[in-house]
Amino acid sequence: MARDLCDRHGLLLMFDEVQCGLGRTGDWCGWKTLAGPDLMPDAISWAKGIAGGFPLGAIWVSDRMVTLKTGETKPAL
């Protein structure tokens, strides 16, 4: 439902995995435990567990195409 809503309105679907990611729910990504592998976000934020206690954060972004206001289609990155 969230994926469809974001796709319909051209919105970013981003999951915050800081508290539930990196194996804390049994899966590498916490959203897979709740929503299953068929749901794919556009971006994910990670922190804490990726550096073993050292303060570090990261973001993962998909390579989906976006359409600009000009009508031009480009990779999101």
N, C-alpha and C. Protein backbone atom coordinates (compact mmCIF):
# COMPACT_ATOMS: atom_id res chain seq x y z
N MET A 1 0.81 -1.18 0.00
CA MET A 1 0.00 0.00 0.00
C MET A 1 0.87 1.27 0.00
N ALA A 2 1.89 1.31 0.85
CA ALA A 2 2.78 2.47 0.88
C ALA A 2 3.53 2.61 -0.44
N ARG A 3 3.99 1.49 -1.00
CA ARG A 3 4.71 1.53 -2.27
C ARG A 3 3.82 2.09 -3.37
N ASP A 4 2.56 1.61 -3.44
CA ASP A 4 1.63 2.09 -4.46
C ASP A 4 1.35 3.58 -4.31
N LEU A 5 1.16 4.03 -3.08
CA LEU A 5 0.89 5.44 -2.82
C LEU A 5 2.07 6.31 -3.26
N CYS A 6 3.28 5.89 -2.93
CA CYS A 6 4.48 6.64 -3.32
C CYS A 6 4.65 6.66 -4.83
N ASP A 7 4.43 5.53 -5.48
CA ASP A 7 4.57 5.46 -6.94
C ASP A 7 3.52 6.34 -7.62
N ARG A 8 2.32 6.33 -7.12
CA ARG A 8 1.24 7.11 -7.71
C ARG A 8 1.51 8.62 -7.65
N HIS A 9 2.13 9.06 -6.57
CA HIS A 9 2.34 10.49 -6.37
C HIS A 9 3.80 10.93 -6.56
N GLY A 10 4.66 10.03 -7.01
CA GLY A 10 6.05 10.38 -7.25
C GLY A 10 6.82 10.69 -5.98
N LEU A 11 6.51 9.98 -4.90
CA LEU A 11 7.14 10.22 -3.60
C LEU A 11 8.23 9.19 -3.31
N LEU A 12 9.15 9.57 -2.46
CA LEU A 12 10.22 8.69 -2.02
C LEU A 12 9.72 7.79 -0.90
N LEU A 13 9.95 6.50 -1.01
CA LEU A 13 9.64 5.56 0.06
C LEU A 13 10.95 5.22 0.76
N MET A 14 11.13 5.77 1.95
CA MET A 14 12.39 5.59 2.69
C MET A 14 12.09 4.92 4.03
N PHE A 15 12.86 3.89 4.35
CA PHE A 15 12.72 3.20 5.63
C PHE A 15 13.90 3.53 6.53
N ASP A 16 13.60 3.75 7.79
CA ASP A 16 14.63 4.03 8.80
C ASP A 16 14.95 2.71 9.49
N GLU A 17 16.13 2.18 9.23
CA GLU A 17 16.57 0.90 9.78
C GLU A 17 17.53 1.07 10.95
N VAL A 18 17.62 2.27 11.51
CA VAL A 18 18.58 2.53 12.58
C VAL A 18 18.30 1.63 13.78
N GLN A 19 17.05 1.48 14.18
CA GLN A 19 16.71 0.69 15.36
C GLN A 19 16.44 -0.78 15.05
N CYS A 20 15.95 -1.09 13.84
CA CYS A 20 15.48 -2.45 13.57
C CYS A 20 16.27 -3.20 12.50
N GLY A 21 17.25 -2.55 11.87
CA GLY A 21 17.99 -3.20 10.79
C GLY A 21 19.21 -3.98 11.25
N LEU A 22 19.93 -4.50 10.29
CA LEU A 22 21.18 -5.23 10.51
C LEU A 22 21.01 -6.46 11.40
N GLY A 23 19.94 -7.22 11.15
CA GLY A 23 19.74 -8.49 11.83
C GLY A 23 18.97 -8.43 13.13
N ARG A 24 18.54 -7.28 13.58
CA ARG A 24 17.86 -7.18 14.87
C ARG A 24 16.49 -7.85 14.87
N THR A 25 15.87 -8.04 13.70
CA THR A 25 14.55 -8.68 13.63
C THR A 25 14.64 -10.10 13.07
N GLY A 26 15.84 -10.55 12.79
CA GLY A 26 16.03 -11.87 12.20
C GLY A 26 16.41 -11.81 10.73
N ASP A 27 16.05 -10.74 10.07
CA ASP A 27 16.43 -10.50 8.68
C ASP A 27 17.47 -9.38 8.66
N TRP A 28 18.26 -9.33 7.60
CA TRP A 28 19.26 -8.27 7.48
C TRP A 28 18.58 -6.89 7.49
N CYS A 29 17.44 -6.80 6.82
CA CYS A 29 16.66 -5.56 6.80
C CYS A 29 15.36 -5.79 7.56
N GLY A 30 15.06 -4.93 8.52
CA GLY A 30 13.89 -5.10 9.37
C GLY A 30 12.57 -5.08 8.61
N TRP A 31 12.50 -4.30 7.51
CA TRP A 31 11.24 -4.22 6.78
C TRP A 31 10.88 -5.56 6.15
N LYS A 32 11.85 -6.40 5.86
CA LYS A 32 11.55 -7.71 5.26
C LYS A 32 10.83 -8.61 6.24
N THR A 33 11.09 -8.44 7.53
CA THR A 33 10.39 -9.21 8.55
C THR A 33 8.92 -8.83 8.59
N LEU A 34 8.62 -7.55 8.43
CA LEU A 34 7.24 -7.07 8.53
C LEU A 34 6.48 -7.14 7.21
N ALA A 35 7.11 -6.73 6.12
CA ALA A 35 6.40 -6.60 4.84
C ALA A 35 6.74 -7.70 3.84
N GLY A 36 7.82 -8.40 4.04
CA GLY A 36 8.22 -9.43 3.10
C GLY A 36 9.16 -8.90 2.03
N PRO A 37 9.77 -9.78 1.26
CA PRO A 37 10.78 -9.38 0.28
C PRO A 37 10.22 -8.70 -0.97
N ASP A 38 8.90 -8.71 -1.16
CA ASP A 38 8.32 -8.10 -2.36
C ASP A 38 8.29 -6.58 -2.30
N LEU A 39 8.32 -6.01 -1.12
CA LEU A 39 8.32 -4.55 -0.97
C LEU A 39 9.75 -4.04 -1.04
N MET A 40 10.01 -3.10 -1.95
CA MET A 40 11.35 -2.55 -2.11
C MET A 40 11.29 -1.04 -1.94
N PRO A 41 11.96 -0.50 -0.92
CA PRO A 41 11.98 0.95 -0.73
C PRO A 41 12.92 1.63 -1.72
N ASP A 42 12.81 2.96 -1.80
CA ASP A 42 13.72 3.74 -2.63
C ASP A 42 15.00 4.07 -1.88
N ALA A 43 14.93 4.12 -0.56
CA ALA A 43 16.10 4.46 0.25
C ALA A 43 15.95 3.85 1.64
N ILE A 44 17.09 3.58 2.28
CA ILE A 44 17.12 3.04 3.64
C ILE A 44 18.22 3.76 4.40
N SER A 45 17.94 4.12 5.65
CA SER A 45 18.98 4.70 6.50
C SER A 45 19.43 3.65 7.52
N TRP A 46 20.73 3.58 7.74
CA TRP A 46 21.32 2.65 8.71
C TRP A 46 22.26 3.41 9.62
N ALA A 47 22.43 2.91 10.82
CA ALA A 47 23.41 3.47 11.76
C ALA A 47 23.61 2.46 12.89
N LYS A 48 24.34 2.85 13.87
CA LYS A 48 24.64 2.04 15.06
C LYS A 48 25.34 0.74 14.72
N GLY A 49 24.59 -0.31 14.37
CA GLY A 49 25.15 -1.64 14.19
C GLY A 49 26.13 -1.80 13.05
N ILE A 50 26.24 -0.85 12.15
CA ILE A 50 27.13 -1.03 11.01
C ILE A 50 28.59 -0.84 11.36
N ALA A 51 28.89 -0.28 12.54
CA ALA A 51 30.29 -0.01 12.88
C ALA A 51 30.68 -0.56 14.25
N GLY A 52 29.89 -1.46 14.80
CA GLY A 52 30.25 -2.10 16.05
C GLY A 52 30.42 -1.13 17.22
N GLY A 53 29.54 -0.15 17.33
CA GLY A 53 29.61 0.81 18.43
C GLY A 53 30.22 2.15 18.07
N PHE A 54 30.96 2.20 16.99
CA PHE A 54 31.53 3.46 16.53
C PHE A 54 30.42 4.27 15.88
N PRO A 55 30.31 5.58 16.18
CA PRO A 55 29.21 6.37 15.61
C PRO A 55 29.34 6.56 14.10
N LEU A 56 28.54 5.82 13.36
CA LEU A 56 28.60 5.85 11.91
C LEU A 56 27.19 5.66 11.37
N GLY A 57 26.85 6.36 10.31
CA GLY A 57 25.56 6.21 9.67
C GLY A 57 25.76 6.06 8.17
N ALA A 58 24.75 5.51 7.50
CA ALA A 58 24.84 5.31 6.06
C ALA A 58 23.44 5.38 5.47
N ILE A 59 23.37 5.59 4.17
CA ILE A 59 22.11 5.56 3.46
C ILE A 59 22.29 4.75 2.18
N TRP A 60 21.31 3.95 1.88
CA TRP A 60 21.28 3.15 0.66
C TRP A 60 20.18 3.73 -0.21
N VAL A 61 20.45 3.96 -1.49
CA VAL A 61 19.48 4.54 -2.41
C VAL A 61 19.39 3.66 -3.65
N SER A 62 18.17 3.39 -4.09
CA SER A 62 17.98 2.55 -5.27
C SER A 62 18.35 3.32 -6.54
N ASP A 63 18.42 2.62 -7.62
CA ASP A 63 18.81 3.25 -8.89
C ASP A 63 17.60 3.48 -9.80
N ARG A 64 16.45 3.75 -9.23
CA ARG A 64 15.24 3.94 -10.04
C ARG A 64 15.35 5.23 -10.88
N MET A 65 14.58 5.28 -11.93
CA MET A 65 14.54 6.45 -12.79
C MET A 65 13.52 7.44 -12.25
N VAL A 66 13.79 8.73 -12.42
CA VAL A 66 12.86 9.79 -12.02
C VAL A 66 12.59 10.68 -13.22
N THR A 67 11.40 11.25 -13.24
CA THR A 67 11.04 12.20 -14.29
C THR A 67 11.07 13.60 -13.71
N LEU A 68 11.87 14.46 -14.31
CA LEU A 68 12.00 15.84 -13.86
C LEU A 68 10.82 16.67 -14.34
N LYS A 69 10.64 17.86 -13.79
CA LYS A 69 9.56 18.75 -14.21
C LYS A 69 9.64 19.09 -15.69
N THR A 70 10.83 19.05 -16.23
CA THR A 70 11.03 19.34 -17.66
C THR A 70 10.54 18.20 -18.55
N GLY A 71 10.27 17.04 -17.94
CA GLY A 71 9.86 15.88 -18.69
C GLY A 71 11.00 14.92 -18.98
N GLU A 72 12.21 15.35 -18.69
CA GLU A 72 13.40 14.51 -18.89
C GLU A 72 13.43 13.40 -17.85
N THR A 73 13.80 12.19 -18.26
CA THR A 73 13.92 11.05 -17.36
C THR A 73 15.40 10.77 -17.13
N LYS A 74 15.79 10.66 -15.84
CA LYS A 74 17.18 10.43 -15.48
C LYS A 74 17.25 9.46 -14.31
N PRO A 75 18.42 8.81 -14.09
CA PRO A 75 18.60 8.02 -12.87
C PRO A 75 18.49 8.92 -11.64
N ALA A 76 17.97 8.38 -10.55
CA ALA A 76 17.76 9.16 -9.34
C ALA A 76 19.06 9.69 -8.76
N LEU A 77 20.18 9.04 -9.04
CA LEU A 77 21.44 9.49 -8.46
C LEU A 77 22.09 10.49 -9.34
